[in-house]
PDB file of N, CA and C in Angstrom:
ATOM      1  N   MET A   1       0.845  -1.186   0.000  1.00  0.00           N
ATOM      2  CA  MET A   1       0.000   0.000   0.000  1.00  0.00           C
ATOM      3  C   MET A   1       0.881   1.237   0.000  1.00  0.00           C
ATOM      4  N   ASN A   2       0.555   2.159  -0.803  1.00  0.00           N
ATOM      5  CA  ASN A   2       1.271   3.418  -0.880  1.00  0.00           C
ATOM      6  C   ASN A   2       0.898   4.267   0.331  1.00  0.00           C
ATOM      7  N   THR A   3       1.863   4.573   1.178  1.00  0.00           N
ATOM      8  CA  THR A   3       1.568   5.301   2.414  1.00  0.00           C
ATOM      9  C   THR A   3       1.260   6.773   2.176  1.00  0.00           C
ATOM     10  N   THR A   4       1.418   7.251   0.947  1.00  0.00           N
ATOM     11  CA  THR A   4       1.086   8.649   0.678  1.00  0.00           C
ATOM     12  C   THR A   4      -0.402   8.831   0.410  1.00  0.00           C
ATOM     13  N   LYS A   5      -1.120   7.747   0.250  1.00  0.00           N
ATOM     14  CA  LYS A   5      -2.553   7.847  -0.010  1.00  0.00           C
ATOM     15  C   LYS A   5      -3.285   8.252   1.261  1.00  0.00           C
ATOM     16  N   SER A   6      -4.352   8.985   1.093  1.00  0.00           N
ATOM     17  CA  SER A   6      -5.161   9.364   2.245  1.00  0.00           C
ATOM     18  C   SER A   6      -6.571   8.828   2.041  1.00  0.00           C
ATOM     19  N   ALA A   7      -7.299   8.768   3.121  1.00  0.00           N
ATOM     20  CA  ALA A   7      -8.684   8.311   3.064  1.00  0.00           C
ATOM     21  C   ALA A   7      -9.528   9.226   3.931  1.00  0.00           C
ATOM     22  N   THR A   8     -10.714   9.498   3.448  1.00  0.00           N
ATOM     23  CA  THR A   8     -11.674  10.293   4.194  1.00  0.00           C
ATOM     24  C   THR A   8     -13.031   9.635   4.024  1.00  0.00           C
ATOM     25  N   SER A   9     -13.744   9.456   5.134  1.00  0.00           N
ATOM     26  CA  SER A   9     -15.092   8.890   5.087  1.00  0.00           C
ATOM     27  C   SER A   9     -16.080   9.937   5.565  1.00  0.00           C
ATOM     28  N   VAL A  10     -17.279   9.885   5.007  1.00  0.00           N
ATOM     29  CA  VAL A  10     -18.329  10.812   5.419  1.00  0.00           C
ATOM     30  C   VAL A  10     -19.602  10.009   5.667  1.00  0.00           C
ATOM     31  N   MET A  11     -20.219  10.229   6.822  1.00  0.00           N
ATOM     32  CA  MET A  11     -21.483   9.580   7.155  1.00  0.00           C
ATOM     33  C   MET A  11     -22.592  10.594   6.931  1.00  0.00           C
ATOM     34  N   PHE A  12     -23.527  10.229   6.046  1.00  0.00           N
ATOM     35  CA  PHE A  12     -24.722  11.029   5.813  1.00  0.00           C
ATOM     36  C   PHE A  12     -25.909  10.236   6.306  1.00  0.00           C
ATOM     37  N   CYS A  13     -26.902  10.931   6.855  1.00  0.00           N
ATOM     38  CA  CYS A  13     -28.106  10.261   7.319  1.00  0.00           C
ATOM     39  C   CYS A  13     -29.285  11.190   7.099  1.00  0.00           C
ATOM     40  N   GLY A  14     -30.301  10.651   6.442  1.00  0.00           N
ATOM     41  CA  GLY A  14     -31.493  11.447   6.181  1.00  0.00           C
ATOM     42  C   GLY A  14     -32.747  10.621   6.373  1.00  0.00           C
ATOM     43  N   SER A  15     -33.841  11.298   6.527  1.00  0.00           N
ATOM     44  CA  SER A  15     -35.126  10.633   6.713  1.00  0.00           C
ATOM     45  C   SER A  15     -35.898  10.625   5.404  1.00  0.00           C
ATOM     46  N   ALA A  16     -36.941   9.814   5.356  1.00  0.00           N
ATOM     47  CA  ALA A  16     -37.816   9.770   4.184  1.00  0.00           C
ATOM     48  C   ALA A  16     -38.514  11.116   3.976  1.00  0.00           C
ATOM     49  N   ALA A  17     -38.645  11.889   5.049  1.00  0.00           N
ATOM     50  CA  ALA A  17     -39.283  13.203   4.952  1.00  0.00           C
ATOM     51  C   ALA A  17     -38.312  14.285   4.471  1.00  0.00           C
ATOM     52  N   GLY A  18     -37.036  13.918   4.285  1.00  0.00           N
ATOM     53  CA  GLY A  18     -36.061  14.874   3.778  1.00  0.00           C
ATOM     54  C   GLY A  18     -35.226  15.569   4.828  1.00  0.00           C
ATOM     55  N   THR A  19     -35.400  15.231   6.094  1.00  0.00           N
ATOM     56  CA  THR A  19     -34.590  15.815   7.159  1.00  0.00           C
ATOM     57  C   THR A  19     -33.215  15.163   7.154  1.00  0.00           C
ATOM     58  N   MET A  20     -32.170  15.975   7.245  1.00  0.00           N
ATOM     59  CA  MET A  20     -30.804  15.459   7.248  1.00  0.00           C
ATOM     60  C   MET A  20     -30.118  15.763   8.579  1.00  0.00           C
ATOM     61  N   LEU A  21     -29.333  14.807   9.053  1.00  0.00           N
ATOM     62  CA  LEU A  21     -28.444  15.065  10.185  1.00  0.00           C
ATOM     63  C   LEU A  21     -27.202  15.768   9.662  1.00  0.00           C
ATOM     64  N   PRO A  22     -26.508  16.495  10.524  1.00  0.00           N
ATOM     65  CA  PRO A  22     -25.220  17.040  10.079  1.00  0.00           C
ATOM     66  C   PRO A  22     -24.292  15.879   9.712  1.00  0.00           C
ATOM     67  N   PRO A  23     -23.471  16.051   8.694  1.00  0.00           N
ATOM     68  CA  PRO A  23     -22.559  14.968   8.331  1.00  0.00           C
ATOM     69  C   PRO A  23     -21.462  14.778   9.371  1.00  0.00           C
ATOM     70  N   MET A  24     -20.885  13.591   9.365  1.00  0.00           N
ATOM     71  CA  MET A  24     -19.739  13.278  10.218  1.00  0.00           C
ATOM     72  C   MET A  24     -18.596  12.879   9.288  1.00  0.00           C
ATOM     73  N   VAL A  25     -17.478  13.609   9.376  1.00  0.00           N
ATOM     74  CA  VAL A  25     -16.325  13.392   8.514  1.00  0.00           C
ATOM     75  C   VAL A  25     -15.213  12.739   9.341  1.00  0.00           C
ATOM     76  N   VAL A  26     -14.611  11.690   8.768  1.00  0.00           N
ATOM     77  CA  VAL A  26     -13.498  10.999   9.429  1.00  0.00           C
ATOM     78  C   VAL A  26     -12.293  11.054   8.497  1.00  0.00           C
ATOM     79  N   TYR A  27     -11.212  11.666   8.971  1.00  0.00           N
ATOM     80  CA  TYR A  27      -9.973  11.763   8.212  1.00  0.00           C
ATOM     81  C   TYR A  27      -9.003  10.662   8.632  1.00  0.00           C
ATOM     82  N   LYS A  28      -8.159  10.249   7.701  1.00  0.00           N
ATOM     83  CA  LYS A  28      -7.051   9.357   8.026  1.00  0.00           C
ATOM     84  C   LYS A  28      -5.920  10.252   8.516  1.00  0.00           C
ATOM     85  N   ALA A  29      -5.754  10.298   9.829  1.00  0.00           N
ATOM     86  CA  ALA A  29      -4.775  11.213  10.411  1.00  0.00           C
ATOM     87  C   ALA A  29      -4.591  10.910  11.886  1.00  0.00           C
ATOM     88  N   ALA A  30      -3.528  11.474  12.440  1.00  0.00           N
ATOM     89  CA  ALA A  30      -3.278  11.358  13.874  1.00  0.00           C
ATOM     90  C   ALA A  30      -4.040  12.443  14.640  1.00  0.00           C
ATOM     91  N   HIS A  31      -4.329  13.557  13.972  1.00  0.00           N
ATOM     92  CA  HIS A  31      -5.020  14.683  14.605  1.00  0.00           C
ATOM     93  C   HIS A  31      -5.982  15.301  13.592  1.00  0.00           C
ATOM     94  N   VAL A  32      -6.994  15.987  14.085  1.00  0.00           N
ATOM     95  CA  VAL A  32      -7.874  16.776  13.231  1.00  0.00           C
ATOM     96  C   VAL A  32      -7.414  18.220  13.360  1.00  0.00           C
ATOM     97  N   TYR A  33      -7.077  18.827  12.241  1.00  0.00           N
ATOM     98  CA  TYR A  33      -6.557  20.186  12.245  1.00  0.00           C
ATOM     99  C   TYR A  33      -7.670  21.198  11.980  1.00  0.00           C
ATOM    100  N   LYS A  34      -7.527  22.388  12.576  1.00  0.00           N
ATOM    101  CA  LYS A  34      -8.533  23.438  12.428  1.00  0.00           C
ATOM    102  C   LYS A  34      -8.821  23.754  10.958  1.00  0.00           C
ATOM    103  N   ALA A  35      -7.792  23.763  10.141  1.00  0.00           N
ATOM    104  CA  ALA A  35      -7.966  24.101   8.724  1.00  0.00           C
ATOM    105  C   ALA A  35      -8.911  23.127   8.033  1.00  0.00           C
ATOM    106  N   TRP A  36      -8.956  21.893   8.487  1.00  0.00           N
ATOM    107  CA  TRP A  36      -9.833  20.886   7.871  1.00  0.00           C
ATOM    108  C   TRP A  36     -11.296  21.137   8.193  1.00  0.00           C
ATOM    109  N   LYS A  37     -11.549  21.933   9.226  1.00  0.00           N
ATOM    110  CA  LYS A  37     -12.926  22.202   9.649  1.00  0.00           C
ATOM    111  C   LYS A  37     -13.486  23.482   9.030  1.00  0.00           C
ATOM    112  N   GLN A  38     -12.665  24.222   8.331  1.00  0.00           N
ATOM    113  CA  GLN A  38     -13.099  25.490   7.767  1.00  0.00           C
ATOM    114  C   GLN A  38     -13.953  25.266   6.524  1.00  0.00           C
ATOM    115  N   ARG A  39     -14.957  26.063   6.379  1.00  0.00           N
ATOM    116  CA  ARG A  39     -15.850  26.076   5.217  1.00  0.00           C
ATOM    117  C   ARG A  39     -16.620  24.771   5.016  1.00  0.00           C
ATOM    118  N   GLY A  40     -16.751  23.985   6.068  1.00  0.00           N
ATOM    119  CA  GLY A  40     -17.573  22.780   5.982  1.00  0.00           C
ATOM    120  C   GLY A  40     -19.038  23.126   6.181  1.00  0.00           C
ATOM    121  N   SER A  41     -19.885  22.165   5.950  1.00  0.00           N
ATOM    122  CA  SER A  41     -21.321  22.362   6.176  1.00  0.00           C
ATOM    123  C   SER A  41     -21.578  22.681   7.637  1.00  0.00           C
ATOM    124  N   LYS A  42     -22.564  23.504   7.894  1.00  0.00           N
ATOM    125  CA  LYS A  42     -22.908  23.895   9.256  1.00  0.00           C
ATOM    126  C   LYS A  42     -23.249  22.643  10.080  1.00  0.00           C
ATOM    127  N   GLY A  43     -22.669  22.549  11.263  1.00  0.00           N
ATOM    128  CA  GLY A  43     -22.955  21.447  12.170  1.00  0.00           C
ATOM    129  C   GLY A  43     -22.149  20.188  11.921  1.00  0.00           C
ATOM    130  N   THR A  44     -21.290  20.178  10.901  1.00  0.00           N
ATOM    131  CA  THR A  44     -20.498  18.987  10.601  1.00  0.00           C
ATOM    132  C   THR A  44     -19.612  18.621  11.782  1.00  0.00           C
ATOM    133  N   HIS A  45     -19.517  17.328  12.053  1.00  0.00           N
ATOM    134  CA  HIS A  45     -18.648  16.809  13.112  1.00  0.00           C
ATOM    135  C   HIS A  45     -17.421  16.198  12.457  1.00  0.00           C
ATOM    136  N   TYR A  46     -16.240  16.494  13.000  1.00  0.00           N
ATOM    137  CA  TYR A  46     -14.977  16.051  12.413  1.00  0.00           C
ATOM    138  C   TYR A  46     -14.226  15.155  13.396  1.00  0.00           C
ATOM    139  N   TYR A  47     -13.764  14.025  12.884  1.00  0.00           N
ATOM    140  CA  TYR A  47     -12.993  13.075  13.689  1.00  0.00           C
ATOM    141  C   TYR A  47     -11.874  12.506  12.843  1.00  0.00           C
ATOM    142  N   ARG A  48     -11.086  11.632  13.430  1.00  0.00           N
ATOM    143  CA  ARG A  48      -9.967  10.995  12.752  1.00  0.00           C
ATOM    144  C   ARG A  48      -9.892   9.531  13.166  1.00  0.00           C
ATOM    145  N   SER A  49      -9.311   8.735  12.291  1.00  0.00           N
ATOM    146  CA  SER A  49      -8.982   7.348  12.627  1.00  0.00           C
ATOM    147  C   SER A  49      -7.711   6.989  11.877  1.00  0.00           C
ATOM    148  N   SER A  50      -7.082   5.913  12.250  1.00  0.00           N
ATOM    149  CA  SER A  50      -5.826   5.531  11.601  1.00  0.00           C
ATOM    150  C   SER A  50      -6.040   5.114  10.145  1.00  0.00           C
ATOM    151  N   SER A  51      -7.259   4.702   9.801  1.00  0.00           N
ATOM    152  CA  SER A  51      -7.546   4.271   8.436  1.00  0.00           C
ATOM    153  C   SER A  51      -8.325   5.309   7.630  1.00  0.00           C
ATOM    154  N   GLY A  52      -8.977   6.239   8.311  1.00  0.00           N
ATOM    155  CA  GLY A  52      -9.875   7.171   7.635  1.00  0.00           C
ATOM    156  C   GLY A  52     -11.273   6.595   7.482  1.00  0.00           C
ATOM    157  N   TRP A  53     -11.491   5.436   8.050  1.00  0.00           N
ATOM    158  CA  TRP A  53     -12.785   4.764   7.975  1.00  0.00           C
ATOM    159  C   TRP A  53     -13.489   4.848   9.321  1.00  0.00           C
ATOM    160  N   PHE A  54     -14.789   4.608   9.298  1.00  0.00           N
ATOM    161  CA  PHE A  54     -15.556   4.491  10.525  1.00  0.00           C
ATOM    162  C   PHE A  54     -15.238   3.147  11.156  1.00  0.00           C
ATOM    163  N   ASP A  55     -14.922   3.175  12.428  1.00  0.00           N
ATOM    164  CA  ASP A  55     -14.741   1.934  13.171  1.00  0.00           C
ATOM    165  C   ASP A  55     -15.871   1.858  14.203  1.00  0.00           C
ATOM    166  N   GLY A  56     -15.843   0.834  15.046  1.00  0.00           N
ATOM    167  CA  GLY A  56     -16.898   0.667  16.036  1.00  0.00           C
ATOM    168  C   GLY A  56     -17.029   1.857  16.968  1.00  0.00           C
ATOM    169  N   PHE A  57     -15.910   2.413  17.395  1.00  0.00           N
ATOM    170  CA  PHE A  57     -15.922   3.562  18.285  1.00  0.00           C
ATOM    171  C   PHE A  57     -16.614   4.763  17.629  1.00  0.00           C
ATOM    172  N   LEU A  58     -16.243   5.046  16.379  1.00  0.00           N
ATOM    173  CA  LEU A  58     -16.822   6.205  15.692  1.00  0.00           C
ATOM    174  C   LEU A  58     -18.278   5.971  15.326  1.00  0.00           C
ATOM    175  N   LEU A  59     -18.648   4.734  15.029  1.00  0.00           N
ATOM    176  CA  LEU A  59     -20.059   4.442  14.777  1.00  0.00           C
ATOM    177  C   LEU A  59     -20.884   4.746  16.026  1.00  0.00           C
ATOM    178  N   GLU A  60     -20.406   4.298  17.185  1.00  0.00           N
ATOM    179  CA  GLU A  60     -21.126   4.566  18.430  1.00  0.00           C
ATOM    180  C   GLU A  60     -21.179   6.059  18.720  1.00  0.00           C
ATOM    181  N   LYS A  61     -20.095   6.751  18.460  1.00  0.00           N
ATOM    182  CA  LYS A  61     -20.066   8.202  18.669  1.00  0.00           C
ATOM    183  C   LYS A  61     -21.132   8.866  17.793  1.00  0.00           C
ATOM    184  N   TRP A  62     -21.182   8.479  16.509  1.00  0.00           N
ATOM    185  CA  TRP A  62     -22.193   9.021  15.597  1.00  0.00           C
ATOM    186  C   TRP A  62     -23.598   8.682  16.095  1.00  0.00           C
ATOM    187  N   PHE A  63     -23.834   7.438  16.449  1.00  0.00           N
ATOM    188  CA  PHE A  63     -25.165   7.005  16.860  1.00  0.00           C
ATOM    189  C   PHE A  63     -25.617   7.725  18.127  1.00  0.00           C
ATOM    190  N   PHE A  64     -24.789   7.703  19.173  1.00  0.00           N
ATOM    191  CA  PHE A  64     -25.205   8.245  20.473  1.00  0.00           C
ATOM    192  C   PHE A  64     -25.180   9.772  20.539  1.00  0.00           C
ATOM    193  N   GLU A  65     -24.304  10.421  19.773  1.00  0.00           N
ATOM    194  CA  GLU A  65     -24.210  11.875  19.849  1.00  0.00           C
ATOM    195  C   GLU A  65     -25.030  12.601  18.787  1.00  0.00           C
ATOM    196  N   LEU A  66     -25.218  11.983  17.630  1.00  0.00           N
ATOM    197  CA  LEU A  66     -25.945  12.661  16.555  1.00  0.00           C
ATOM    198  C   LEU A  66     -27.326  12.070  16.290  1.00  0.00           C
ATOM    199  N   LEU A  67     -27.384  10.770  16.071  1.00  0.00           N
ATOM    200  CA  LEU A  67     -28.644  10.169  15.645  1.00  0.00           C
ATOM    201  C   LEU A  67     -29.632   9.957  16.783  1.00  0.00           C
ATOM    202  N   LEU A  68     -29.224   9.309  17.856  1.00  0.00           N
ATOM    203  CA  LEU A  68     -30.158   8.963  18.922  1.00  0.00           C
ATOM    204  C   LEU A  68     -30.853  10.184  19.532  1.00  0.00           C
ATOM    205  N   PRO A  69     -30.154  11.263  19.827  1.00  0.00           N
ATOM    206  CA  PRO A  69     -30.872  12.430  20.368  1.00  0.00           C
ATOM    207  C   PRO A  69     -31.980  12.923  19.423  1.00  0.00           C
ATOM    208  N   LYS A  70     -31.735  12.870  18.128  1.00  0.00           N
ATOM    209  CA  LYS A  70     -32.750  13.284  17.147  1.00  0.00           C
ATOM    210  C   LYS A  70     -33.923  12.309  17.143  1.00  0.00           C
ATOM    211  N   LEU A  71     -33.619  11.003  17.147  1.00  0.00           N
ATOM    212  CA  LEU A  71     -34.686  10.004  17.092  1.00  0.00           C
ATOM    213  C   LEU A  71     -35.518   9.963  18.372  1.00  0.00           C
ATOM    214  N   LYS A  72     -34.922  10.288  19.500  1.00  0.00           N
ATOM    215  CA  LYS A  72     -35.675  10.298  20.765  1.00  0.00           C
ATOM    216  C   LYS A  72     -36.788  11.344  20.745  1.00  0.00           C
ATOM    217  N   ARG A  73     -36.632  12.374  19.918  1.00  0.00           N
ATOM    218  CA  ARG A  73     -37.659  13.419  19.827  1.00  0.00           C
ATOM    219  C   ARG A  73     -38.784  13.032  18.865  1.00  0.00           C
ATOM    220  N   GLN A  74     -38.615  11.927  18.151  1.00  0.00           N
ATOM    221  CA  GLN A  74     -39.620  11.465  17.191  1.00  0.00           C
ATOM    222  C   GLN A  74     -40.601  10.519  17.871  1.00  0.00           C
ATOM    223  N   VAL A  75     -41.852  10.620  17.503  1.00  0.00           N
ATOM    224  CA  VAL A  75     -42.887   9.759  18.060  1.00  0.00           C
ATOM    225  C   VAL A  75     -43.026   8.524  17.174  1.00  0.00           C
ATOM    226  N   GLY A  76     -43.274   7.376  17.805  1.00  0.00           N
ATOM    227  CA  GLY A  76     -43.537   6.150  17.057  1.00  0.00           C
ATOM    228  C   GLY A  76     -42.284   5.364  16.734  1.00  0.00           C
ATOM    229  N   LYS A  77     -42.484   4.318  15.972  1.00  0.00           N
ATOM    230  CA  LYS A  77     -41.390   3.418  15.611  1.00  0.00           C
ATOM    231  C   LYS A  77     -40.500   4.068  14.561  1.00  0.00           C
ATOM    232  N   LYS A  78     -39.195   3.856  14.683  1.00  0.00           N
ATOM    233  CA  LYS A  78     -38.224   4.386  13.744  1.00  0.00           C
ATOM    234  C   LYS A  78     -37.482   3.225  13.084  1.00  0.00           C
ATOM    235  N   LEU A  79     -36.899   3.478  11.914  1.00  0.00           N
ATOM    236  CA  LEU A  79     -36.152   2.469  11.178  1.00  0.00           C
ATOM    237  C   LEU A  79     -34.782   3.025  10.839  1.00  0.00           C
ATOM    238  N   LEU A  80     -33.751   2.285  11.190  1.00  0.00           N
ATOM    239  CA  LEU A  80     -32.369   2.628  10.848  1.00  0.00           C
ATOM    240  C   LEU A  80     -31.866   1.551   9.905  1.00  0.00           C
ATOM    241  N   ILE A  81     -31.489   1.937   8.696  1.00  0.00           N
ATOM    242  CA  ILE A  81     -30.975   0.990   7.709  1.00  0.00           C
ATOM    243  C   ILE A  81     -29.467   1.187   7.612  1.00  0.00           C
ATOM    244  N   GLY A  82     -28.732   0.112   7.825  1.00  0.00           N
ATOM    245  CA  GLY A  82     -27.276   0.181   7.777  1.00  0.00           C
ATOM    246  C   GLY A  82     -26.716  -0.805   6.773  1.00  0.00           C
ATOM    247  N   ASP A  83     -25.437  -0.639   6.490  1.00  0.00           N
ATOM    248  CA  ASP A  83     -24.797  -1.610   5.617  1.00  0.00           C
ATOM    249  C   ASP A  83     -24.367  -2.816   6.452  1.00  0.00           C
ATOM    250  N   ASN A  84     -23.692  -3.726   5.860  1.00  0.00           N
ATOM    251  CA  ASN A  84     -23.353  -4.975   6.536  1.00  0.00           C
ATOM    252  C   ASN A  84     -21.891  -5.021   6.970  1.00  0.00           C
ATOM    253  N   LEU A  85     -21.232  -3.878   7.090  1.00  0.00           N
ATOM    254  CA  LEU A  85     -19.840  -3.827   7.517  1.00  0.00           C
ATOM    255  C   LEU A  85     -19.756  -4.188   8.994  1.00  0.00           C
ATOM    256  N   SER A  86     -18.882  -5.117   9.335  1.00  0.00           N
ATOM    257  CA  SER A  86     -18.821  -5.620  10.715  1.00  0.00           C
ATOM    258  C   SER A  86     -18.526  -4.524  11.740  1.00  0.00           C
ATOM    259  N   SER A  87     -17.737  -3.517  11.373  1.00  0.00           N
ATOM    260  CA  SER A  87     -17.437  -2.447  12.336  1.00  0.00           C
ATOM    261  C   SER A  87     -18.644  -1.557  12.588  1.00  0.00           C
ATOM    262  N   HIS A  88     -19.697  -1.726  11.809  1.00  0.00           N
ATOM    263  CA  HIS A  88     -20.917  -0.951  12.005  1.00  0.00           C
ATOM    264  C   HIS A  88     -21.936  -1.692  12.865  1.00  0.00           C
ATOM    265  N   HIS A  89     -21.510  -2.786  13.461  1.00  0.00           N
ATOM    266  CA  HIS A  89     -22.382  -3.549  14.353  1.00  0.00           C
ATOM    267  C   HIS A  89     -21.871  -3.363  15.775  1.00  0.00           C
ATOM    268  N   SER A  90     -22.738  -2.991  16.656  1.00  0.00           N
ATOM    269  CA  SER A  90     -22.371  -2.707  18.037  1.00  0.00           C
ATOM    270  C   SER A  90     -23.508  -3.156  18.942  1.00  0.00           C
ATOM    271  N   MET A  91     -23.180  -3.931  19.950  1.00  0.00           N
ATOM    272  CA  MET A  91     -24.215  -4.361  20.903  1.00  0.00           C
ATOM    273  C   MET A  91     -24.827  -3.158  21.613  1.00  0.00           C
ATOM    274  N   ALA A  92     -24.018  -2.155  21.909  1.00  0.00           N
ATOM    275  CA  ALA A  92     -24.545  -0.956  22.577  1.00  0.00           C
ATOM    276  C   ALA A  92     -25.568  -0.255  21.688  1.00  0.00           C
ATOM    277  N   VAL A  93     -25.300  -0.176  20.396  1.00  0.00           N
ATOM    278  CA  VAL A  93     -26.232   0.456  19.459  1.00  0.00           C
ATOM    279  C   VAL A  93     -27.493  -0.391  19.331  1.00  0.00           C
ATOM    280  N   ILE A  94     -27.330  -1.701  19.199  1.00  0.00           N
ATOM    281  CA  ILE A  94     -28.484  -2.594  19.068  1.00  0.00           C
ATOM    282  C   ILE A  94     -29.377  -2.505  20.298  1.00  0.00           C
ATOM    283  N   GLU A  95     -28.789  -2.510  21.485  1.00  0.00           N
ATOM    284  CA  GLU A  95     -29.570  -2.395  22.728  1.00  0.00           C
ATOM    285  C   GLU A  95     -30.282  -1.050  22.807  1.00  0.00           C
ATOM    286  N   ALA A  96     -29.589   0.025  22.426  1.00  0.00           N
ATOM    287  CA  ALA A  96     -30.216   1.356  22.447  1.00  0.00           C
ATOM    288  C   ALA A  96     -31.364   1.428  21.445  1.00  0.00           C
ATOM    289  N   CYS A  97     -31.215   0.757  20.311  1.00  0.00           N
ATOM    290  CA  CYS A  97     -32.302   0.719  19.328  1.00  0.00           C
ATOM    291  C   CYS A  97     -33.526   0.029  19.923  1.00  0.00           C
ATOM    292  N   LYS A  98     -33.313  -1.112  20.558  1.00  0.00           N
ATOM    293  CA  LYS A  98     -34.432  -1.840  21.178  1.00  0.00           C
ATOM    294  C   LYS A  98     -35.125  -0.974  22.222  1.00  0.00           C
ATOM    295  N   LYS A  99     -34.331  -0.320  23.042  1.00  0.00           N
ATOM    296  CA  LYS A  99     -34.865   0.495  24.134  1.00  0.00           C
ATOM    297  C   LYS A  99     -35.644   1.709  23.618  1.00  0.00           C
ATOM    298  N   ASN A 100     -35.299   2.191  22.427  1.00  0.00           N
ATOM    299  CA  ASN A 100     -35.886   3.426  21.920  1.00  0.00           C
ATOM    300  C   ASN A 100     -36.799   3.223  20.710  1.00  0.00           C
ATOM    301  N   ASN A 101     -37.323   2.001  20.544  1.00  0.00           N
ATOM    302  CA  ASN A 101     -38.300   1.706  19.497  1.00  0.00           C
ATOM    303  C   ASN A 101     -37.749   1.992  18.098  1.00  0.00           C
ATOM    304  N   ILE A 102     -36.489   1.578  17.876  1.00  0.00           N
ATOM    305  CA  ILE A 102     -35.827   1.761  16.582  1.00  0.00           C
ATOM    306  C   ILE A 102     -35.527   0.381  16.014  1.00  0.00           C
ATOM    307  N   ALA A 103     -36.042   0.096  14.849  1.00  0.00           N
ATOM    308  CA  ALA A 103     -35.716  -1.153  14.160  1.00  0.00           C
ATOM    309  C   ALA A 103     -34.406  -0.927  13.395  1.00  0.00           C
ATOM    310  N   PHE A 104     -33.393  -1.731  13.692  1.00  0.00           N
ATOM    311  CA  PHE A 104     -32.096  -1.612  13.027  1.00  0.00           C
ATOM    312  C   PHE A 104     -31.992  -2.766  12.024  1.00  0.00           C
ATOM    313  N   VAL A 105     -32.014  -2.430  10.746  1.00  0.00           N
ATOM    314  CA  VAL A 105     -31.988  -3.428   9.684  1.00  0.00           C
ATOM    315  C   VAL A 105     -30.707  -3.246   8.880  1.00  0.00           C
ATOM    316  N   CYS A 106     -29.991  -4.337   8.661  1.00  0.00           N
ATOM    317  CA  CYS A 106     -28.788  -4.295   7.839  1.00  0.00           C
ATOM    318  C   CYS A 106     -29.097  -4.786   6.438  1.00  0.00           C
ATOM    319  N   LEU A 107     -28.568  -4.095   5.465  1.00  0.00           N
ATOM    320  CA  LEU A 107     -28.715  -4.541   4.085  1.00  0.00           C
ATOM    321  C   LEU A 107     -27.977  -5.858   3.910  1.00  0.00           C
ATOM    322  N   PRO A 108     -28.463  -6.739   3.051  1.00  0.00           N
ATOM    323  CA  PRO A 108     -27.764  -8.005   2.842  1.00  0.00           C
ATOM    324  C   PRO A 108     -26.421  -7.776   2.143  1.00  0.00           C
ATOM    325  N   PRO A 109     -25.443  -8.637   2.418  1.00  0.00           N
ATOM    326  CA  PRO A 109     -24.147  -8.489   1.752  1.00  0.00           C
ATOM    327  C   PRO A 109     -24.271  -8.738   0.246  1.00  0.00           C
ATOM    328  N   GLN A 110     -23.443  -8.043  -0.513  1.00  0.00           N
ATOM    329  CA  GLN A 110     -23.418  -8.259  -1.957  1.00  0.00           C
ATOM    330  C   GLN A 110     -22.435  -9.365  -2.265  1.00  0.00           C
ATOM    331  N   HIS A 111     -22.752 -10.166  -3.224  1.00  0.00           N
ATOM    332  CA  HIS A 111     -21.840 -11.275  -3.595  1.00  0.00           C
ATOM    333  C   HIS A 111     -21.275 -11.037  -4.971  1.00  0.00           C
TER     334      HIS A 111
END
């Protein structure tokens, strides 16, 4: 692998009604620099990981800090559709979904 390559991941989440959460950006870096946060979308959350990908820790951070507070204000059953990446599975998230009337459905893996 060429170590000069960089990776950046962005988590977007929206509802069927068109409501969007602020995006969460993850850089491949040891630190998040102020310059990287300039001119981003309002409310964007910035983090870093060694790969530039979402891992279990960052998924939980996104779920508990961004998504769950929004969903708790919604009445009735909610649906969260996720991909089938193993780092996107968390017992803490699954338990919180059960407790808060959120159905967490993973898309089937592609072959």
